[in-house]
Amino acid sequence: MQIKEHIEDDVVVLALKGNLMGDPETTEFREKIKDLVRDGFLKIVLDVSKVKWINSSGLGAMISALTSINNAGGDMRISNVTEKIKSLFMITQLIKVFKVFESNERAVASFKIDPVSGKKTEE
C-alpha cells in the first residue's frame, strides 16, 4: 500500500494505491490518519481510484478512520470510487456511512458547503 499526501487549502487528500487488506496496510493507514488528526488536520479525502481491493479489515480501518476524525471534530470524504469498491459499499450498506464523491475536486469543495443551508461557506 502506498499513501501519497497533498494538501488543498485546509483539506488533506490521501491517494491510496494497492490493496487495503489487513496488516501491514491497515496499520500504516491507521497510523497516517492518527498522525493527521494529532497534527490538527480534520478534513480528509481518501482517493481510492488506485485501490485494487478492500477486505473486511480494510473496511474496518476506514470506519475506524472516520470515527477518529469525527470524534476530533472533523470529517472524511471518499473520492474516485471504482465500481468494484462502490458495489462493496452498497452490499455492506457503508454507502450510507461514507460520503462518496466522483472526484477529489468535488470532495474537497464539499467541505466548503454548509450542510444545513447547502450554500457555500465563507473562508
PDB file of N, CA and C in Angstrom:
ATOM      1  N   MET A   1       0.846  -1.184   0.000  1.00  0.00           N
ATOM      2  CA  MET A   1       0.000   0.000   0.000  1.00  0.00           C
ATOM      3  C   MET A   1       0.884   1.237   0.000  1.00  0.00           C
ATOM      4  N   GLN A   2       0.608   2.119  -0.919  1.00  0.00           N
ATOM      5  CA  GLN A   2       1.291   3.407  -0.971  1.00  0.00           C
ATOM      6  C   GLN A   2       0.278   4.482  -0.603  1.00  0.00           C
ATOM      7  N   ILE A   3       0.723   5.460   0.176  1.00  0.00           N
ATOM      8  CA  ILE A   3      -0.137   6.571   0.554  1.00  0.00           C
ATOM      9  C   ILE A   3       0.582   7.859   0.176  1.00  0.00           C
ATOM     10  N   LYS A   4      -0.014   8.602  -0.757  1.00  0.00           N
ATOM     11  CA  LYS A   4       0.545   9.904  -1.133  1.00  0.00           C
ATOM     12  C   LYS A   4      -0.373  10.979  -0.568  1.00  0.00           C
ATOM     13  N   GLU A   5       0.254  11.992   0.002  1.00  0.00           N
ATOM     14  CA  GLU A   5      -0.499  13.059   0.660  1.00  0.00           C
ATOM     15  C   GLU A   5      -0.270  14.383  -0.046  1.00  0.00           C
ATOM     16  N   HIS A   6      -1.351  15.125  -0.247  1.00  0.00           N
ATOM     17  CA  HIS A   6      -1.193  16.521  -0.641  1.00  0.00           C
ATOM     18  C   HIS A   6      -2.304  17.338   0.008  1.00  0.00           C
ATOM     19  N   ILE A   7      -2.028  18.607   0.199  1.00  0.00           N
ATOM     20  CA  ILE A   7      -2.948  19.471   0.929  1.00  0.00           C
ATOM     21  C   ILE A   7      -3.501  20.532  -0.009  1.00  0.00           C
ATOM     22  N   GLU A   8      -4.827  20.684   0.012  1.00  0.00           N
ATOM     23  CA  GLU A   8      -5.517  21.734  -0.738  1.00  0.00           C
ATOM     24  C   GLU A   8      -6.258  22.581   0.272  1.00  0.00           C
ATOM     25  N   ASP A   9      -5.808  23.820   0.455  1.00  0.00           N
ATOM     26  CA  ASP A   9      -6.332  24.705   1.499  1.00  0.00           C
ATOM     27  C   ASP A   9      -6.144  24.005   2.844  1.00  0.00           C
ATOM     28  N   ASP A  10      -7.241  23.691   3.543  1.00  0.00           N
ATOM     29  CA  ASP A  10      -7.131  23.012   4.840  1.00  0.00           C
ATOM     30  C   ASP A  10      -7.610  21.561   4.754  1.00  0.00           C
ATOM     31  N   VAL A  11      -7.642  21.019   3.532  1.00  0.00           N
ATOM     32  CA  VAL A  11      -8.091  19.644   3.303  1.00  0.00           C
ATOM     33  C   VAL A  11      -6.901  18.784   2.874  1.00  0.00           C
ATOM     34  N   VAL A  12      -6.740  17.644   3.541  1.00  0.00           N
ATOM     35  CA  VAL A  12      -5.684  16.702   3.181  1.00  0.00           C
ATOM     36  C   VAL A  12      -6.281  15.641   2.263  1.00  0.00           C
ATOM     37  N   VAL A  13      -5.671  15.457   1.098  1.00  0.00           N
ATOM     38  CA  VAL A  13      -6.089  14.405   0.178  1.00  0.00           C
ATOM     39  C   VAL A  13      -5.047  13.290   0.263  1.00  0.00           C
ATOM     40  N   LEU A  14      -5.512  12.098   0.633  1.00  0.00           N
ATOM     41  CA  LEU A  14      -4.647  10.920   0.693  1.00  0.00           C
ATOM     42  C   LEU A  14      -4.984  10.019  -0.488  1.00  0.00           C
ATOM     43  N   ALA A  15      -4.030   9.851  -1.391  1.00  0.00           N
ATOM     44  CA  ALA A  15      -4.210   8.959  -2.536  1.00  0.00           C
ATOM     45  C   ALA A  15      -3.666   7.590  -2.142  1.00  0.00           C
ATOM     46  N   LEU A  16      -4.555   6.605  -2.064  1.00  0.00           N
ATOM     47  CA  LEU A  16      -4.166   5.253  -1.685  1.00  0.00           C
ATOM     48  C   LEU A  16      -3.947   4.421  -2.939  1.00  0.00           C
ATOM     49  N   LYS A  17      -2.928   3.563  -2.904  1.00  0.00           N
ATOM     50  CA  LYS A  17      -2.634   2.710  -4.056  1.00  0.00           C
ATOM     51  C   LYS A  17      -2.280   1.317  -3.553  1.00  0.00           C
ATOM     52  N   GLY A  18      -2.921   0.297  -4.134  1.00  0.00           N
ATOM     53  CA  GLY A  18      -2.663  -1.080  -3.739  1.00  0.00           C
ATOM     54  C   GLY A  18      -3.915  -1.710  -3.150  1.00  0.00           C
ATOM     55  N   ASN A  19      -3.719  -2.591  -2.184  1.00  0.00           N
ATOM     56  CA  ASN A  19      -4.824  -3.258  -1.500  1.00  0.00           C
ATOM     57  C   ASN A  19      -4.897  -2.790  -0.065  1.00  0.00           C
ATOM     58  N   LEU A  20      -6.108  -2.748   0.455  1.00  0.00           N
ATOM     59  CA  LEU A  20      -6.315  -2.418   1.866  1.00  0.00           C
ATOM     60  C   LEU A  20      -6.899  -3.668   2.508  1.00  0.00           C
ATOM     61  N   MET A  21      -5.987  -4.597   2.853  1.00  0.00           N
ATOM     62  CA  MET A  21      -6.408  -5.925   3.294  1.00  0.00           C
ATOM     63  C   MET A  21      -5.550  -6.416   4.455  1.00  0.00           C
ATOM     64  N   GLY A  22      -5.790  -5.932   5.645  1.00  0.00           N
ATOM     65  CA  GLY A  22      -5.066  -6.424   6.812  1.00  0.00           C
ATOM     66  C   GLY A  22      -3.681  -5.816   6.941  1.00  0.00           C
ATOM     67  N   ASP A  23      -2.908  -6.385   7.860  1.00  0.00           N
ATOM     68  CA  ASP A  23      -1.558  -5.877   8.107  1.00  0.00           C
ATOM     69  C   ASP A  23      -0.626  -6.229   6.963  1.00  0.00           C
ATOM     70  N   PRO A  24       0.338  -5.387   6.653  1.00  0.00           N
ATOM     71  CA  PRO A  24       0.696  -4.127   7.306  1.00  0.00           C
ATOM     72  C   PRO A  24      -0.060  -2.915   6.760  1.00  0.00           C
ATOM     73  N   GLU A  25      -0.857  -3.116   5.694  1.00  0.00           N
ATOM     74  CA  GLU A  25      -1.527  -1.977   5.041  1.00  0.00           C
ATOM     75  C   GLU A  25      -2.449  -1.210   5.984  1.00  0.00           C
ATOM     76  N   THR A  26      -3.303  -1.928   6.721  1.00  0.00           N
ATOM     77  CA  THR A  26      -4.265  -1.227   7.572  1.00  0.00           C
ATOM     78  C   THR A  26      -3.563  -0.500   8.720  1.00  0.00           C
ATOM     79  N   THR A  27      -2.484  -1.080   9.238  1.00  0.00           N
ATOM     80  CA  THR A  27      -1.738  -0.428  10.317  1.00  0.00           C
ATOM     81  C   THR A  27      -1.117   0.874   9.813  1.00  0.00           C
ATOM     82  N   GLU A  28      -0.531   0.823   8.633  1.00  0.00           N
ATOM     83  CA  GLU A  28       0.075   2.024   8.033  1.00  0.00           C
ATOM     84  C   GLU A  28      -0.987   3.105   7.807  1.00  0.00           C
ATOM     85  N   PHE A  29      -2.150   2.695   7.312  1.00  0.00           N
ATOM     86  CA  PHE A  29      -3.250   3.624   7.060  1.00  0.00           C
ATOM     87  C   PHE A  29      -3.748   4.245   8.373  1.00  0.00           C
ATOM     88  N   ARG A  30      -3.966   3.419   9.389  1.00  0.00           N
ATOM     89  CA  ARG A  30      -4.446   3.918  10.688  1.00  0.00           C
ATOM     90  C   ARG A  30      -3.441   4.903  11.294  1.00  0.00           C
ATOM     91  N   GLU A  31      -2.156   4.593  11.189  1.00  0.00           N
ATOM     92  CA  GLU A  31      -1.122   5.480  11.724  1.00  0.00           C
ATOM     93  C   GLU A  31      -1.123   6.829  10.995  1.00  0.00           C
ATOM     94  N   LYS A  32      -1.301   6.787   9.698  1.00  0.00           N
ATOM     95  CA  LYS A  32      -1.339   8.023   8.902  1.00  0.00           C
ATOM     96  C   LYS A  32      -2.495   8.908   9.359  1.00  0.00           C
ATOM     97  N   ILE A  33      -3.677   8.307   9.526  1.00  0.00           N
ATOM     98  CA  ILE A  33      -4.849   9.056   9.982  1.00  0.00           C
ATOM     99  C   ILE A  33      -4.612   9.609  11.386  1.00  0.00           C
ATOM    100  N   LYS A  34      -4.076   8.789  12.271  1.00  0.00           N
ATOM    101  CA  LYS A  34      -3.801   9.213  13.650  1.00  0.00           C
ATOM    102  C   LYS A  34      -2.851  10.402  13.664  1.00  0.00           C
ATOM    103  N   ASP A  35      -1.801  10.355  12.828  1.00  0.00           N
ATOM    104  CA  ASP A  35      -0.830  11.457  12.748  1.00  0.00           C
ATOM    105  C   ASP A  35      -1.495  12.736  12.245  1.00  0.00           C
ATOM    106  N   LEU A  36      -2.342  12.614  11.221  1.00  0.00           N
ATOM    107  CA  LEU A  36      -3.018  13.792  10.668  1.00  0.00           C
ATOM    108  C   LEU A  36      -3.924  14.439  11.714  1.00  0.00           C
ATOM    109  N   VAL A  37      -4.714  13.623  12.407  1.00  0.00           N
ATOM    110  CA  VAL A  37      -5.622  14.144  13.429  1.00  0.00           C
ATOM    111  C   VAL A  37      -4.823  14.802  14.553  1.00  0.00           C
ATOM    112  N   ARG A  38      -3.754  14.160  14.985  1.00  0.00           N
ATOM    113  CA  ARG A  38      -2.904  14.716  16.037  1.00  0.00           C
ATOM    114  C   ARG A  38      -2.331  16.080  15.622  1.00  0.00           C
ATOM    115  N   ASP A  39      -2.018  16.212  14.327  1.00  0.00           N
ATOM    116  CA  ASP A  39      -1.455  17.467  13.818  1.00  0.00           C
ATOM    117  C   ASP A  39      -2.517  18.511  13.485  1.00  0.00           C
ATOM    118  N   GLY A  40      -3.792  18.181  13.739  1.00  0.00           N
ATOM    119  CA  GLY A  40      -4.867  19.157  13.553  1.00  0.00           C
ATOM    120  C   GLY A  40      -5.519  19.161  12.188  1.00  0.00           C
ATOM    121  N   PHE A  41      -5.209  18.187  11.344  1.00  0.00           N
ATOM    122  CA  PHE A  41      -5.859  18.088  10.037  1.00  0.00           C
ATOM    123  C   PHE A  41      -7.134  17.269  10.202  1.00  0.00           C
ATOM    124  N   LEU A  42      -8.280  17.940  10.098  1.00  0.00           N
ATOM    125  CA  LEU A  42      -9.551  17.290  10.388  1.00  0.00           C
ATOM    126  C   LEU A  42     -10.484  17.196   9.190  1.00  0.00           C
ATOM    127  N   LYS A  43     -10.007  17.610   8.030  1.00  0.00           N
ATOM    128  CA  LYS A  43     -10.770  17.463   6.786  1.00  0.00           C
ATOM    129  C   LYS A  43      -9.927  16.592   5.868  1.00  0.00           C
ATOM    130  N   ILE A  44     -10.385  15.358   5.680  1.00  0.00           N
ATOM    131  CA  ILE A  44      -9.569  14.391   4.947  1.00  0.00           C
ATOM    132  C   ILE A  44     -10.379  13.748   3.830  1.00  0.00           C
ATOM    133  N   VAL A  45      -9.757  13.668   2.656  1.00  0.00           N
ATOM    134  CA  VAL A  45     -10.343  12.994   1.495  1.00  0.00           C
ATOM    135  C   VAL A  45      -9.482  11.773   1.188  1.00  0.00           C
ATOM    136  N   LEU A  46     -10.120  10.613   1.051  1.00  0.00           N
ATOM    137  CA  LEU A  46      -9.415   9.400   0.633  1.00  0.00           C
ATOM    138  C   LEU A  46      -9.699   9.177  -0.845  1.00  0.00           C
ATOM    139  N   ASP A  47      -8.673   9.270  -1.662  1.00  0.00           N
ATOM    140  CA  ASP A  47      -8.779   8.981  -3.092  1.00  0.00           C
ATOM    141  C   ASP A  47      -8.482   7.492  -3.265  1.00  0.00           C
ATOM    142  N   VAL A  48      -9.510   6.716  -3.605  1.00  0.00           N
ATOM    143  CA  VAL A  48      -9.351   5.261  -3.707  1.00  0.00           C
ATOM    144  C   VAL A  48      -9.332   4.777  -5.164  1.00  0.00           C
ATOM    145  N   SER A  49      -9.029   5.672  -6.085  1.00  0.00           N
ATOM    146  CA  SER A  49      -9.045   5.317  -7.508  1.00  0.00           C
ATOM    147  C   SER A  49      -8.046   4.219  -7.855  1.00  0.00           C
ATOM    148  N   LYS A  50      -6.968   4.105  -7.078  1.00  0.00           N
ATOM    149  CA  LYS A  50      -5.941   3.105  -7.375  1.00  0.00           C
ATOM    150  C   LYS A  50      -5.908   1.978  -6.343  1.00  0.00           C
ATOM    151  N   VAL A  51      -6.992   1.857  -5.582  1.00  0.00           N
ATOM    152  CA  VAL A  51      -7.105   0.740  -4.642  1.00  0.00           C
ATOM    153  C   VAL A  51      -7.721  -0.420  -5.408  1.00  0.00           C
ATOM    154  N   LYS A  52      -7.008  -1.553  -5.426  1.00  0.00           N
ATOM    155  CA  LYS A  52      -7.487  -2.713  -6.178  1.00  0.00           C
ATOM    156  C   LYS A  52      -8.589  -3.438  -5.430  1.00  0.00           C
ATOM    157  N   TRP A  53      -8.388  -3.628  -4.120  1.00  0.00           N
ATOM    158  CA  TRP A  53      -9.392  -4.350  -3.350  1.00  0.00           C
ATOM    159  C   TRP A  53      -9.325  -3.976  -1.882  1.00  0.00           C
ATOM    160  N   ILE A  54     -10.481  -4.058  -1.229  1.00  0.00           N
ATOM    161  CA  ILE A  54     -10.603  -3.814   0.207  1.00  0.00           C
ATOM    162  C   ILE A  54     -11.326  -5.013   0.797  1.00  0.00           C
ATOM    163  N   ASN A  55     -10.782  -5.594   1.865  1.00  0.00           N
ATOM    164  CA  ASN A  55     -11.494  -6.680   2.541  1.00  0.00           C
ATOM    165  C   ASN A  55     -12.088  -6.144   3.848  1.00  0.00           C
ATOM    166  N   SER A  56     -12.575  -7.044   4.700  1.00  0.00           N
ATOM    167  CA  SER A  56     -13.225  -6.612   5.936  1.00  0.00           C
ATOM    168  C   SER A  56     -12.262  -5.840   6.853  1.00  0.00           C
ATOM    169  N   SER A  57     -10.993  -6.211   6.876  1.00  0.00           N
ATOM    170  CA  SER A  57     -10.003  -5.479   7.681  1.00  0.00           C
ATOM    171  C   SER A  57      -9.837  -4.058   7.148  1.00  0.00           C
ATOM    172  N   GLY A  58      -9.805  -3.925   5.842  1.00  0.00           N
ATOM    173  CA  GLY A  58      -9.692  -2.604   5.223  1.00  0.00           C
ATOM    174  C   GLY A  58     -10.909  -1.745   5.487  1.00  0.00           C
ATOM    175  N   LEU A  59     -12.096  -2.348   5.387  1.00  0.00           N
ATOM    176  CA  LEU A  59     -13.325  -1.605   5.694  1.00  0.00           C
ATOM    177  C   LEU A  59     -13.326  -1.169   7.152  1.00  0.00           C
ATOM    178  N   GLY A  60     -12.870  -2.064   8.031  1.00  0.00           N
ATOM    179  CA  GLY A  60     -12.774  -1.718   9.449  1.00  0.00           C
ATOM    180  C   GLY A  60     -11.833  -0.553   9.681  1.00  0.00           C
ATOM    181  N   ALA A  61     -10.722  -0.533   8.964  1.00  0.00           N
ATOM    182  CA  ALA A  61      -9.759   0.562   9.090  1.00  0.00           C
ATOM    183  C   ALA A  61     -10.369   1.875   8.607  1.00  0.00           C
ATOM    184  N   MET A  62     -11.162   1.813   7.539  1.00  0.00           N
ATOM    185  CA  MET A  62     -11.811   3.018   7.020  1.00  0.00           C
ATOM    186  C   MET A  62     -12.864   3.537   8.001  1.00  0.00           C
ATOM    187  N   ILE A  63     -13.628   2.624   8.602  1.00  0.00           N
ATOM    188  CA  ILE A  63     -14.633   3.025   9.592  1.00  0.00           C
ATOM    189  C   ILE A  63     -13.947   3.609  10.820  1.00  0.00           C
ATOM    190  N   SER A  64     -12.865   2.983  11.246  1.00  0.00           N
ATOM    191  CA  SER A  64     -12.087   3.474  12.385  1.00  0.00           C
ATOM    192  C   SER A  64     -11.541   4.875  12.105  1.00  0.00           C
ATOM    193  N   ALA A  65     -11.050   5.087  10.882  1.00  0.00           N
ATOM    194  CA  ALA A  65     -10.532   6.404  10.492  1.00  0.00           C
ATOM    195  C   ALA A  65     -11.636   7.455  10.570  1.00  0.00           C
ATOM    196  N   LEU A  66     -12.801   7.130  10.014  1.00  0.00           N
ATOM    197  CA  LEU A  66     -13.930   8.061  10.036  1.00  0.00           C
ATOM    198  C   LEU A  66     -14.312   8.395  11.476  1.00  0.00           C
ATOM    199  N   THR A  67     -14.376   7.382  12.328  1.00  0.00           N
ATOM    200  CA  THR A  67     -14.734   7.584  13.733  1.00  0.00           C
ATOM    201  C   THR A  67     -13.717   8.478  14.438  1.00  0.00           C
ATOM    202  N   SER A  68     -12.428   8.211  14.232  1.00  0.00           N
ATOM    203  CA  SER A  68     -11.376   9.024  14.862  1.00  0.00           C
ATOM    204  C   SER A  68     -11.465  10.479  14.427  1.00  0.00           C
ATOM    205  N   ILE A  69     -11.661  10.681  13.144  1.00  0.00           N
ATOM    206  CA  ILE A  69     -11.743  12.040  12.600  1.00  0.00           C
ATOM    207  C   ILE A  69     -12.999  12.741  13.132  1.00  0.00           C
ATOM    208  N   ASN A  70     -14.144  12.043  13.126  1.00  0.00           N
ATOM    209  CA  ASN A  70     -15.391  12.620  13.632  1.00  0.00           C
ATOM    210  C   ASN A  70     -15.275  12.969  15.115  1.00  0.00           C
ATOM    211  N   ASN A  71     -14.662  12.078  15.898  1.00  0.00           N
ATOM    212  CA  ASN A  71     -14.505  12.316  17.336  1.00  0.00           C
ATOM    213  C   ASN A  71     -13.640  13.537  17.625  1.00  0.00           C
ATOM    214  N   ALA A  72     -12.742  13.867  16.698  1.00  0.00           N
ATOM    215  CA  ALA A  72     -11.878  15.043  16.856  1.00  0.00           C
ATOM    216  C   ALA A  72     -12.545  16.310  16.317  1.00  0.00           C
ATOM    217  N   GLY A  73     -13.774  16.171  15.780  1.00  0.00           N
ATOM    218  CA  GLY A  73     -14.497  17.324  15.264  1.00  0.00           C
ATOM    219  C   GLY A  73     -14.346  17.533  13.774  1.00  0.00           C
ATOM    220  N   GLY A  74     -13.803  16.539  13.073  1.00  0.00           N
ATOM    221  CA  GLY A  74     -13.599  16.661  11.632  1.00  0.00           C
ATOM    222  C   GLY A  74     -14.501  15.742  10.843  1.00  0.00           C
ATOM    223  N   ASP A  75     -14.159  15.560   9.560  1.00  0.00           N
ATOM    224  CA  ASP A  75     -14.935  14.676   8.700  1.00  0.00           C
ATOM    225  C   ASP A  75     -14.051  14.127   7.588  1.00  0.00           C
ATOM    226  N   MET A  76     -14.530  13.060   6.978  1.00  0.00           N
ATOM    227  CA  MET A  76     -13.783  12.384   5.920  1.00  0.00           C
ATOM    228  C   MET A  76     -14.697  12.167   4.721  1.00  0.00           C
ATOM    229  N   ARG A  77     -14.122  12.284   3.529  1.00  0.00           N
ATOM    230  CA  ARG A  77     -14.824  12.008   2.285  1.00  0.00           C
ATOM    231  C   ARG A  77     -14.039  10.929   1.541  1.00  0.00           C
ATOM    232  N   ILE A  78     -14.716  10.228   0.646  1.00  0.00           N
ATOM    233  CA  ILE A  78     -14.053   9.237  -0.197  1.00  0.00           C
ATOM    234  C   ILE A  78     -14.309   9.630  -1.642  1.00  0.00           C
ATOM    235  N   SER A  79     -13.242   9.653  -2.444  1.00  0.00           N
ATOM    236  CA  SER A  79     -13.379  10.086  -3.837  1.00  0.00           C
ATOM    237  C   SER A  79     -12.886   9.021  -4.805  1.00  0.00           C
ATOM    238  N   ASN A  80     -13.329   9.169  -6.047  1.00  0.00           N
ATOM    239  CA  ASN A  80     -12.884   8.302  -7.145  1.00  0.00           C
ATOM    240  C   ASN A  80     -13.108   6.819  -6.856  1.00  0.00           C
ATOM    241  N   VAL A  81     -14.309   6.503  -6.393  1.00  0.00           N
ATOM    242  CA  VAL A  81     -14.642   5.130  -6.037  1.00  0.00           C
ATOM    243  C   VAL A  81     -14.884   4.320  -7.309  1.00  0.00           C
ATOM    244  N   THR A  82     -14.164   3.213  -7.435  1.00  0.00           N
ATOM    245  CA  THR A  82     -14.342   2.339  -8.595  1.00  0.00           C
ATOM    246  C   THR A  82     -15.651   1.559  -8.449  1.00  0.00           C
ATOM    247  N   GLU A  83     -16.117   0.988  -9.540  1.00  0.00           N
ATOM    248  CA  GLU A  83     -17.358   0.198  -9.495  1.00  0.00           C
ATOM    249  C   GLU A  83     -17.244  -0.967  -8.521  1.00  0.00           C
ATOM    250  N   LYS A  84     -16.087  -1.601  -8.490  1.00  0.00           N
ATOM    251  CA  LYS A  84     -15.869  -2.742  -7.596  1.00  0.00           C
ATOM    252  C   LYS A  84     -16.023  -2.325  -6.133  1.00  0.00           C
ATOM    253  N   ILE A  85     -15.405  -1.201  -5.770  1.00  0.00           N
ATOM    254  CA  ILE A  85     -15.477  -0.729  -4.382  1.00  0.00           C
ATOM    255  C   ILE A  85     -16.865  -0.174  -4.085  1.00  0.00           C
ATOM    256  N   LYS A  86     -17.465   0.496  -5.054  1.00  0.00           N
ATOM    257  CA  LYS A  86     -18.819   1.013  -4.849  1.00  0.00           C
ATOM    258  C   LYS A  86     -19.797  -0.134  -4.565  1.00  0.00           C
ATOM    259  N   SER A  87     -19.664  -1.228  -5.303  1.00  0.00           N
ATOM    260  CA  SER A  87     -20.564  -2.361  -5.067  1.00  0.00           C
ATOM    261  C   SER A  87     -20.320  -2.955  -3.678  1.00  0.00           C
ATOM    262  N   LEU A  88     -19.076  -2.962  -3.224  1.00  0.00           N
ATOM    263  CA  LEU A  88     -18.762  -3.429  -1.872  1.00  0.00           C
ATOM    264  C   LEU A  88     -19.431  -2.518  -0.837  1.00  0.00           C
ATOM    265  N   PHE A  89     -19.370  -1.211  -1.053  1.00  0.00           N
ATOM    266  CA  PHE A  89     -20.024  -0.256  -0.150  1.00  0.00           C
ATOM    267  C   PHE A  89     -21.541  -0.460  -0.153  1.00  0.00           C
ATOM    268  N   MET A  90     -22.099  -0.765  -1.314  1.00  0.00           N
ATOM    269  CA  MET A  90     -23.550  -0.990  -1.416  1.00  0.00           C
ATOM    270  C   MET A  90     -23.954  -2.254  -0.657  1.00  0.00           C
ATOM    271  N   ILE A  91     -23.221  -3.341  -0.873  1.00  0.00           N
ATOM    272  CA  ILE A  91     -23.536  -4.615  -0.230  1.00  0.00           C
ATOM    273  C   ILE A  91     -23.439  -4.504   1.291  1.00  0.00           C
ATOM    274  N   THR A  92     -22.431  -3.800   1.777  1.00  0.00           N
ATOM    275  CA  THR A  92     -22.210  -3.675   3.219  1.00  0.00           C
ATOM    276  C   THR A  92     -23.007  -2.521   3.837  1.00  0.00           C
ATOM    277  N   GLN A  93     -23.738  -1.786   3.004  1.00  0.00           N
ATOM    278  CA  GLN A  93     -24.515  -0.618   3.434  1.00  0.00           C
ATOM    279  C   GLN A  93     -23.640   0.550   3.906  1.00  0.00           C
ATOM    280  N   LEU A  94     -22.336   0.476   3.651  1.00  0.00           N
ATOM    281  CA  LEU A  94     -21.444   1.564   4.045  1.00  0.00           C
ATOM    282  C   LEU A  94     -21.614   2.784   3.145  1.00  0.00           C
ATOM    283  N   ILE A  95     -22.328   2.630   2.051  1.00  0.00           N
ATOM    284  CA  ILE A  95     -22.627   3.766   1.174  1.00  0.00           C
ATOM    285  C   ILE A  95     -23.442   4.809   1.954  1.00  0.00           C
ATOM    286  N   LYS A  96     -24.135   4.346   3.013  1.00  0.00           N
ATOM    287  CA  LYS A  96     -24.917   5.247   3.865  1.00  0.00           C
ATOM    288  C   LYS A  96     -24.056   5.910   4.929  1.00  0.00           C
ATOM    289  N   VAL A  97     -22.878   5.355   5.169  1.00  0.00           N
ATOM    290  CA  VAL A  97     -21.979   5.861   6.210  1.00  0.00           C
ATOM    291  C   VAL A  97     -20.940   6.820   5.621  1.00  0.00           C
ATOM    292  N   PHE A  98     -20.344   6.422   4.505  1.00  0.00           N
ATOM    293  CA  PHE A  98     -19.292   7.226   3.881  1.00  0.00           C
ATOM    294  C   PHE A  98     -19.892   8.255   2.929  1.00  0.00           C
ATOM    295  N   LYS A  99     -19.274   9.425   2.889  1.00  0.00           N
ATOM    296  CA  LYS A  99     -19.650  10.458   1.925  1.00  0.00           C
ATOM    297  C   LYS A  99     -18.760  10.244   0.706  1.00  0.00           C
ATOM    298  N   VAL A 100     -19.368   9.818  -0.394  1.00  0.00           N
ATOM    299  CA  VAL A 100     -18.634   9.418  -1.593  1.00  0.00           C
ATOM    300  C   VAL A 100     -18.811  10.467  -2.688  1.00  0.00           C
ATOM    301  N   PHE A 101     -17.694  10.821  -3.340  1.00  0.00           N
ATOM    302  CA  PHE A 101     -17.707  11.817  -4.409  1.00  0.00           C
ATOM    303  C   PHE A 101     -16.980  11.278  -5.630  1.00  0.00           C
ATOM    304  N   GLU A 102     -17.370  11.785  -6.800  1.00  0.00           N
ATOM    305  CA  GLU A 102     -16.797  11.268  -8.050  1.00  0.00           C
ATOM    306  C   GLU A 102     -15.396  11.789  -8.341  1.00  0.00           C
ATOM    307  N   SER A 103     -14.974  12.857  -7.661  1.00  0.00           N
ATOM    308  CA  SER A 103     -13.633  13.392  -7.910  1.00  0.00           C
ATOM    309  C   SER A 103     -13.079  14.036  -6.644  1.00  0.00           C
ATOM    310  N   ASN A 104     -11.767  14.214  -6.621  1.00  0.00           N
ATOM    311  CA  ASN A 104     -11.132  14.902  -5.496  1.00  0.00           C
ATOM    312  C   ASN A 104     -11.637  16.332  -5.386  1.00  0.00           C
ATOM    313  N   GLU A 105     -11.802  16.981  -6.534  1.00  0.00           N
ATOM    314  CA  GLU A 105     -12.235  18.380  -6.548  1.00  0.00           C
ATOM    315  C   GLU A 105     -13.597  18.535  -5.869  1.00  0.00           C
ATOM    316  N   ARG A 106     -14.533  17.644  -6.198  1.00  0.00           N
ATOM    317  CA  ARG A 106     -15.865  17.714  -5.585  1.00  0.00           C
ATOM    318  C   ARG A 106     -15.809  17.397  -4.097  1.00  0.00           C
ATOM    319  N   ALA A 107     -14.991  16.417  -3.732  1.00  0.00           N
ATOM    320  CA  ALA A 107     -14.861  16.050  -2.318  1.00  0.00           C
ATOM    321  C   ALA A 107     -14.291  17.214  -1.512  1.00  0.00           C
ATOM    322  N   VAL A 108     -13.238  17.846  -2.040  1.00  0.00           N
ATOM    323  CA  VAL A 108     -12.630  18.993  -1.357  1.00  0.00           C
ATOM    324  C   VAL A 108     -13.640  20.138  -1.265  1.00  0.00           C
ATOM    325  N   ALA A 109     -14.331  20.416  -2.360  1.00  0.00           N
ATOM    326  CA  ALA A 109     -15.312  21.503  -2.386  1.00  0.00           C
ATOM    327  C   ALA A 109     -16.454  21.262  -1.400  1.00  0.00           C
ATOM    328  N   SER A 110     -16.790  19.993  -1.158  1.00  0.00           N
ATOM    329  CA  SER A 110     -17.907  19.683  -0.263  1.00  0.00           C
ATOM    330  C   SER A 110     -17.646  20.148   1.166  1.00  0.00           C
ATOM    331  N   PHE A 111     -16.384  20.313   1.535  1.00  0.00           N
ATOM    332  CA  PHE A 111     -16.063  20.812   2.869  1.00  0.00           C
ATOM    333  C   PHE A 111     -16.393  22.295   3.002  1.00  0.00           C
ATOM    334  N   LYS A 112     -16.614  22.965   1.881  1.00  0.00           N
ATOM    335  CA  LYS A 112     -16.892  24.395   1.897  1.00  0.00           C
ATOM    336  C   LYS A 112     -18.380  24.691   1.752  1.00  0.00           C
ATOM    337  N   ILE A 113     -19.217  23.647   1.850  1.00  0.00           N
ATOM    338  CA  ILE A 113     -20.658  23.825   1.718  1.00  0.00           C
ATOM    339  C   ILE A 113     -21.311  23.561   3.067  1.00  0.00           C
ATOM    340  N   ASP A 114     -22.147  24.504   3.501  1.00  0.00           N
ATOM    341  CA  ASP A 114     -22.848  24.359   4.772  1.00  0.00           C
ATOM    342  C   ASP A 114     -23.853  23.216   4.664  1.00  0.00           C
ATOM    343  N   PRO A 115     -23.770  22.215   5.558  1.00  0.00           N
ATOM    344  CA  PRO A 115     -24.654  21.056   5.459  1.00  0.00           C
ATOM    345  C   PRO A 115     -26.126  21.390   5.713  1.00  0.00           C
ATOM    346  N   VAL A 116     -26.394  22.470   6.432  1.00  0.00           N
ATOM    347  CA  VAL A 116     -27.781  22.847   6.739  1.00  0.00           C
ATOM    348  C   VAL A 116     -28.408  23.615   5.576  1.00  0.00           C
ATOM    349  N   SER A 117     -27.720  24.677   5.136  1.00  0.00           N
ATOM    350  CA  SER A 117     -28.294  25.525   4.085  1.00  0.00           C
ATOM    351  C   SER A 117     -27.992  25.026   2.686  1.00  0.00           C
ATOM    352  N   GLY A 118     -26.899  24.237   2.551  1.00  0.00           N
ATOM    353  CA  GLY A 118     -26.499  23.771   1.236  1.00  0.00           C
ATOM    354  C   GLY A 118     -25.773  24.836   0.437  1.00  0.00           C
ATOM    355  N   LYS A 119     -25.447  25.951   1.091  1.00  0.00           N
ATOM    356  CA  LYS A 119     -24.770  27.046   0.411  1.00  0.00           C
ATOM    357  C   LYS A 119     -23.287  27.059   0.744  1.00  0.00           C
ATOM    358  N   LYS A 120     -22.533  27.648  -0.158  1.00  0.00           N
ATOM    359  CA  LYS A 120     -21.082  27.759   0.020  1.00  0.00           C
ATOM    360  C   LYS A 120     -20.787  28.632   1.240  1.00  0.00           C
ATOM    361  N   THR A 121     -19.857  28.176   2.071  1.00  0.00           N
ATOM    362  CA  THR A 121     -19.488  28.945   3.255  1.00  0.00           C
ATOM    363  C   THR A 121     -18.352  29.905   2.909  1.00  0.00           C
ATOM    364  N   GLU A 122     -18.216  30.935   3.704  1.00  0.00           N
ATOM    365  CA  GLU A 122     -17.137  31.902   3.506  1.00  0.00           C
ATOM    366  C   GLU A 122     -15.879  31.370   4.166  1.00  0.00           C
ATOM    367  N   GLU A 123     -14.744  31.632   3.563  1.00  0.00           N
ATOM    368  CA  GLU A 123     -13.446  31.175   4.105  1.00  0.00           C
ATOM    369  C   GLU A 123     -13.111  31.940   5.350  1.00  0.00           C
TER     370      GLU A 123
END
